[in-house]
Protein backbone atom coordinates (compact mmCIF):
# COMPACT_ATOMS: atom_id res chain seq x y z
CA MET A 1 -17.38 -6.67 4.14
CA ASP A 2 -19.74 -4.00 4.34
CA LYS A 3 -17.21 -1.28 4.03
CA PRO A 4 -14.61 -0.78 1.34
CA LEU A 5 -11.21 -1.84 2.46
CA LEU A 6 -9.73 1.73 1.60
CA GLU A 7 -10.77 4.75 0.42
CA LEU A 8 -9.01 7.73 -0.41
CA ARG A 9 -11.26 11.06 -0.58
CA GLY A 10 -10.43 14.35 -1.79
CA ILE A 11 -6.65 13.79 -1.25
CA SER A 12 -4.81 16.51 -2.78
CA LYS A 13 -0.67 16.67 -2.34
CA ALA A 14 1.70 19.20 -3.45
CA PHE A 15 5.38 19.72 -3.53
CA GLY A 16 6.36 23.18 -3.62
CA GLN A 17 4.93 24.52 -6.44
CA TYR A 18 3.43 21.30 -8.21
CA LEU A 19 0.54 19.98 -7.52
CA ILE A 20 0.99 16.61 -7.55
CA LEU A 21 -2.49 15.16 -6.76
CA ASP A 22 -5.20 17.26 -7.38
CA ASN A 23 -9.04 16.10 -4.86
CA LEU A 24 -8.43 12.70 -5.63
CA ASN A 25 -10.80 9.99 -5.27
CA LEU A 26 -10.07 5.73 -4.98
CA THR A 27 -11.61 3.25 -3.71
CA ILE A 28 -10.27 -0.68 -3.49
CA GLN A 29 -12.46 -3.37 -2.37
CA TYR A 30 -11.75 -6.29 -0.61
CA GLY A 31 -9.79 -8.70 -2.78
CA GLU A 32 -9.12 -6.90 -5.63
CA THR A 33 -6.11 -6.29 -7.70
CA VAL A 34 -5.80 -3.40 -9.11
CA ALA A 35 -2.92 -1.47 -11.38
CA ILE A 36 -2.21 2.52 -11.76
CA ILE A 37 -0.87 3.24 -14.47
CA GLY A 38 0.19 6.71 -16.55
CA PRO A 39 2.80 8.84 -17.83
CA SER A 40 5.90 9.32 -15.25
CA GLY A 41 5.74 12.28 -12.33
CA THR A 42 2.07 12.26 -12.31
CA GLY A 43 1.75 10.92 -8.58
CA LYS A 44 1.65 7.32 -8.69
CA SER A 45 3.88 6.47 -6.65
CA THR A 46 2.68 9.72 -4.05
CA ILE A 47 -0.46 7.49 -3.91
CA LEU A 48 1.31 4.60 -2.54
CA ARG A 49 3.55 6.31 -0.17
CA ILE A 50 -0.33 8.33 1.28
CA ILE A 51 -1.86 4.51 1.20
CA ALA A 52 0.91 3.50 3.49
CA GLY A 53 0.65 5.75 5.43
CA LEU A 54 4.40 7.02 4.60
CA LEU A 55 3.50 10.09 3.60
CA MET A 56 1.06 13.19 4.68
CA PRO A 57 -2.00 14.23 2.52
CA ASP A 58 -2.49 18.08 2.22
CA SER A 59 -5.86 17.64 1.92
CA GLY A 60 -8.52 14.85 2.14
CA GLN A 61 -8.74 11.74 4.09
CA VAL A 62 -7.90 8.77 3.89
CA TYR A 63 -10.14 5.51 5.02
CA LEU A 64 -9.34 2.21 6.40
CA GLN A 65 -12.18 -0.31 6.43
CA GLY A 66 -14.88 2.65 6.99
CA LYS A 67 -13.24 4.63 9.56
CA PRO A 68 -10.58 7.54 9.21
CA ARG A 69 -6.89 6.78 9.62
CA LEU A 70 -5.52 9.22 12.42
CA GLY A 71 -1.90 10.38 11.63
CA SER A 72 0.63 8.39 9.76
CA ILE A 73 2.09 4.46 10.05
CA GLU A 74 4.54 5.47 12.85
CA ASP A 75 1.05 6.53 14.95
CA GLY A 76 0.02 2.56 15.01
CA ASN A 77 -3.59 3.26 14.51
CA ASP A 78 -3.98 1.17 11.30
CA PRO A 79 -6.87 -1.65 11.70
CA TYR A 80 -4.29 -3.81 9.38
CA ARG A 81 -0.67 -3.90 8.32
CA ILE A 82 -0.25 -2.69 4.97
CA SER A 83 3.06 -3.81 2.92
CA LEU A 84 4.85 -1.86 0.72
CA VAL A 85 7.29 -3.40 -1.77
CA PHE A 86 9.87 -0.51 -3.20
CA GLN A 87 10.86 -0.60 -6.73
CA GLN A 88 14.56 -0.89 -6.01
CA ALA A 89 13.82 -3.95 -3.80
CA ALA A 90 15.37 -1.61 -0.81
CA LEU A 91 17.31 -4.18 0.83
CA PHE A 92 20.00 -4.00 3.86
CA ASP A 93 22.80 -4.58 2.19
CA SER A 94 25.10 -5.59 5.32
CA LEU A 95 22.24 -8.25 6.57
CA THR A 96 21.72 -11.77 4.98
CA VAL A 97 18.44 -12.60 2.85
CA ALA A 98 17.49 -14.43 6.48
CA GLU A 99 17.81 -11.40 8.18
CA ASN A 100 16.32 -8.65 5.50
CA VAL A 101 13.09 -11.00 5.33
CA GLY A 102 12.78 -11.40 9.12
CA PHE A 103 13.69 -8.30 10.13
CA LEU A 104 10.35 -6.65 11.66
CA LEU A 105 10.10 -10.05 13.29
CA TYR A 106 13.50 -9.66 14.89
CA GLN A 107 13.20 -6.15 16.15
CA HIS A 108 9.42 -5.99 16.89
CA SER A 109 8.29 -9.47 18.30
CA LYS A 110 8.70 -11.62 21.23
CA LEU A 111 9.51 -15.10 18.68
CA PRO A 112 12.60 -16.46 19.37
CA PRO A 113 14.87 -16.48 16.66
CA LYS A 114 14.52 -20.43 16.05
CA ARG A 115 11.33 -19.58 15.39
CA ILE A 116 11.68 -16.43 12.87
CA ARG A 117 14.01 -17.95 11.21
CA GLN A 118 11.52 -21.38 10.64
CA LEU A 119 9.03 -18.33 9.13
CA VAL A 120 11.67 -17.02 6.45
CA GLU A 121 12.11 -20.58 5.31
CA VAL A 122 8.58 -20.98 4.65
CA GLY A 123 8.47 -17.66 3.06
CA LEU A 124 11.57 -18.08 0.88
CA GLU A 125 10.21 -20.82 -0.51
CA LEU A 126 7.34 -19.13 -1.23
CA VAL A 127 8.90 -16.86 -3.20
CA GLY A 128 10.82 -19.71 -5.04
CA LEU A 129 14.06 -18.86 -3.34
CA LYS A 130 14.47 -21.80 -1.04
CA GLY A 131 18.21 -22.12 -0.11
CA THR A 132 19.17 -18.51 0.12
CA ALA A 133 19.00 -17.24 3.76
CA ASP A 134 22.53 -17.29 4.14
CA LEU A 135 23.45 -15.67 1.25
CA TYR A 136 23.83 -11.62 1.43
CA PRO A 137 21.85 -9.13 -1.64
CA ALA A 138 24.47 -8.89 -3.73
CA GLU A 139 25.00 -12.58 -4.18
CA LEU A 140 21.62 -12.04 -5.83
CA SER A 141 19.91 -11.30 -9.21
CA GLY A 142 17.77 -8.32 -9.45
CA GLY A 143 14.94 -10.64 -10.15
CA MET A 144 15.72 -12.67 -6.88
CA ARG A 145 16.35 -9.34 -4.96
CA LYS A 146 12.51 -8.49 -5.51
CA ARG A 147 11.70 -11.63 -4.74
CA VAL A 148 13.21 -11.31 -1.30
CA SER A 149 11.34 -7.69 -0.93
CA PHE A 150 8.45 -10.12 -1.59
CA ALA A 151 9.24 -12.55 0.83
CA ARG A 152 9.70 -9.70 3.64
CA ALA A 153 6.16 -8.08 2.73
CA ILE A 154 4.40 -10.98 4.17
CA MET A 155 6.26 -11.83 7.05
CA GLU A 156 3.93 -11.93 10.07
CA ASP A 157 3.74 -12.88 13.45
CA PRO A 158 1.59 -15.74 13.98
CA ASP A 159 1.34 -15.20 17.83
CA ASP A 160 -0.53 -11.28 16.75
CA PRO A 161 -2.91 -11.00 14.87
CA THR A 162 -3.24 -7.79 13.62
CA ASP A 163 0.11 -8.04 12.12
CA ASN A 164 -1.38 -10.22 9.19
CA PRO A 165 -0.90 -7.61 5.58
CA GLY A 166 -4.52 -7.13 4.95
CA LEU A 167 -3.06 -4.79 2.01
CA LEU A 168 0.11 -5.06 -0.31
CA LEU A 169 1.15 -2.29 -2.52
CA TYR A 170 4.20 -3.01 -5.42
CA ASP A 171 5.92 0.20 -6.67
CA GLU A 172 7.05 -1.23 -10.12
CA PRO A 173 7.86 -4.67 -9.21
CA THR A 174 9.17 -5.76 -12.28
CA ALA A 175 10.88 -2.16 -13.36
CA GLY A 176 14.20 -2.66 -14.95
CA LEU A 177 13.96 -6.77 -15.48
CA ASP A 178 13.88 -8.68 -18.41
CA PRO A 179 11.28 -10.05 -19.90
CA ILE A 180 11.61 -13.55 -18.44
CA ALA A 181 12.29 -12.22 -14.87
CA SER A 182 9.51 -9.95 -15.30
CA THR A 183 7.22 -13.29 -16.14
CA VAL A 184 8.40 -14.79 -12.92
CA ILE A 185 7.25 -11.84 -11.15
CA GLU A 186 4.14 -11.18 -12.68
CA ASP A 187 3.98 -14.93 -12.28
CA LEU A 188 4.69 -14.53 -8.27
CA MET A 189 2.14 -11.88 -7.06
CA ARG A 190 -0.93 -13.66 -8.57
CA GLY A 191 0.26 -17.05 -6.99
CA LEU A 192 0.88 -15.18 -3.79
CA LYS A 193 -2.64 -14.07 -3.96
CA ASP A 194 -3.85 -17.71 -3.81
CA LYS A 195 -1.25 -19.33 -1.45
CA VAL A 196 -1.31 -16.58 1.05
CA GLN A 197 -3.91 -14.39 2.60
CA CYS A 198 -2.51 -11.57 3.12
CA CYS A 199 -2.05 -11.13 -0.69
CA SER A 200 -5.41 -11.01 -1.81
CA THR A 201 -5.67 -7.39 -2.35
CA TYR A 202 -3.15 -5.32 -3.80
CA VAL A 203 -2.04 -1.87 -5.56
CA VAL A 204 0.52 -2.14 -7.99
CA VAL A 205 2.44 0.82 -10.01
CA THR A 206 3.56 0.28 -13.50
CA HIS A 207 4.68 1.02 -17.02
CA GLN A 208 4.37 -2.73 -18.20
CA GLU A 209 1.59 -3.69 -20.15
CA THR A 210 2.10 -7.35 -19.26
CA THR A 211 2.24 -6.60 -15.94
CA ILE A 212 -0.88 -5.07 -15.83
CA ARG A 213 -2.42 -7.20 -18.19
CA ARG A 214 -1.05 -10.36 -16.33
CA THR A 215 -1.60 -9.37 -12.35
CA VAL A 216 -4.75 -7.39 -12.08
CA ASP A 217 -8.32 -6.71 -12.45
CA ARG A 218 -8.92 -3.26 -12.52
CA VAL A 219 -7.25 -0.52 -13.73
CA VAL A 220 -6.91 3.31 -12.62
CA PHE A 221 -4.84 5.70 -15.37
CA LEU A 222 -3.67 9.23 -13.53
CA TYR A 223 -3.14 11.82 -15.58
CA LYS A 224 -2.70 15.44 -13.94
CA GLY A 225 -3.21 14.65 -10.52
CA ARG A 226 -7.06 13.29 -11.06
CA ILE A 227 -7.65 9.99 -12.66
CA GLN A 228 -9.02 10.27 -16.05
CA TRP A 229 -10.08 6.84 -16.60
CA GLN A 230 -10.38 3.10 -14.66
CA GLY A 231 -12.15 -0.18 -15.66
CA SER A 232 -11.55 -3.96 -16.64
CA ILE A 233 -8.53 -5.21 -18.86
CA TRP A 234 -11.25 -5.59 -21.47
CA GLU A 235 -12.93 -2.16 -20.93
CA MET A 236 -9.20 -1.11 -21.59
CA ASP A 237 -9.15 -2.78 -24.45
CA HIS A 238 -12.36 -1.97 -26.43
CA GLY A 239 -13.12 1.40 -24.86
CA ASP A 240 -12.54 4.85 -26.55
CA ASN A 241 -11.27 6.94 -23.42
CA PRO A 242 -8.77 9.56 -25.41
CA TYR A 243 -5.71 9.08 -22.89
CA MET A 244 -5.81 5.37 -22.58
CA GLN A 245 -5.99 5.11 -26.12
CA GLN A 246 -2.72 7.37 -26.55
CA PHE A 247 -1.17 5.78 -23.71
CA LEU A 248 -1.40 2.34 -25.09
CA SER A 249 -0.33 3.44 -28.64
CA GLY A 250 2.43 5.62 -27.24
CA ARG A 251 1.23 8.54 -29.62
CA VAL A 252 3.22 11.60 -28.83
CA ASN A 253 -0.28 13.85 -30.56
CA GLY A 254 -3.19 13.55 -27.71
CA PRO A 255 -4.71 14.91 -24.44
CA ILE A 256 -1.83 13.77 -22.71
CA GLN A 257 0.84 16.74 -23.07
CA VAL A 258 4.40 16.08 -24.10
CA LEU A 259 7.19 17.67 -22.29
CA GLY A 260 10.19 18.48 -24.40
């Protein structure tokens, strides 16, 4: 492709008196896997919501496949679907796993329920949850609920070529999980990239160093609303950027200001 999959140009966003994103520029190419990292409260999740079309920037422009986005996700003008996996899975407690995974297809497609159920079963098997379709979220562990949200994110209508998710966004996918459950999720993210065409490009917001190292090829460091550094895992380990050195080492002293 001659145009990037996604571009953020001059994006700024404030909440009240707090400037969260300050004239930020970011480009995501086809097939890239990117981590956005940085201290808490620096706008990482805000970037995901702007990319997903759930939040409008105060200034700047989002470009999809080289064309400016017009409006929000509700306007339905995006050339491809962007799926966001929320930090807390965001499942409907009153619905079964199958109903959660197939929710958008039940609501918006013309597929018969039997066909949707078949697609849901395939999706659950892809995330290692075969046989869980009739359970409820309360019957699942935290890691299993995360995987259900993954299955929901990759669901697509085979009769609608525009329904293929072109970009996946993960917001803290391993937050609150034990090391073993985190490894399962990290392996799943990489595994889906190889198995499912719609998962070949993704952006993940995370604080977990294992998630950074095991799931992405490029790292973007955000602080004070701007990208202070970006590069590969190798460059992250061997570079001398003071922001990255302080963040990775956990030192109190450095360019990152510690509150309190």
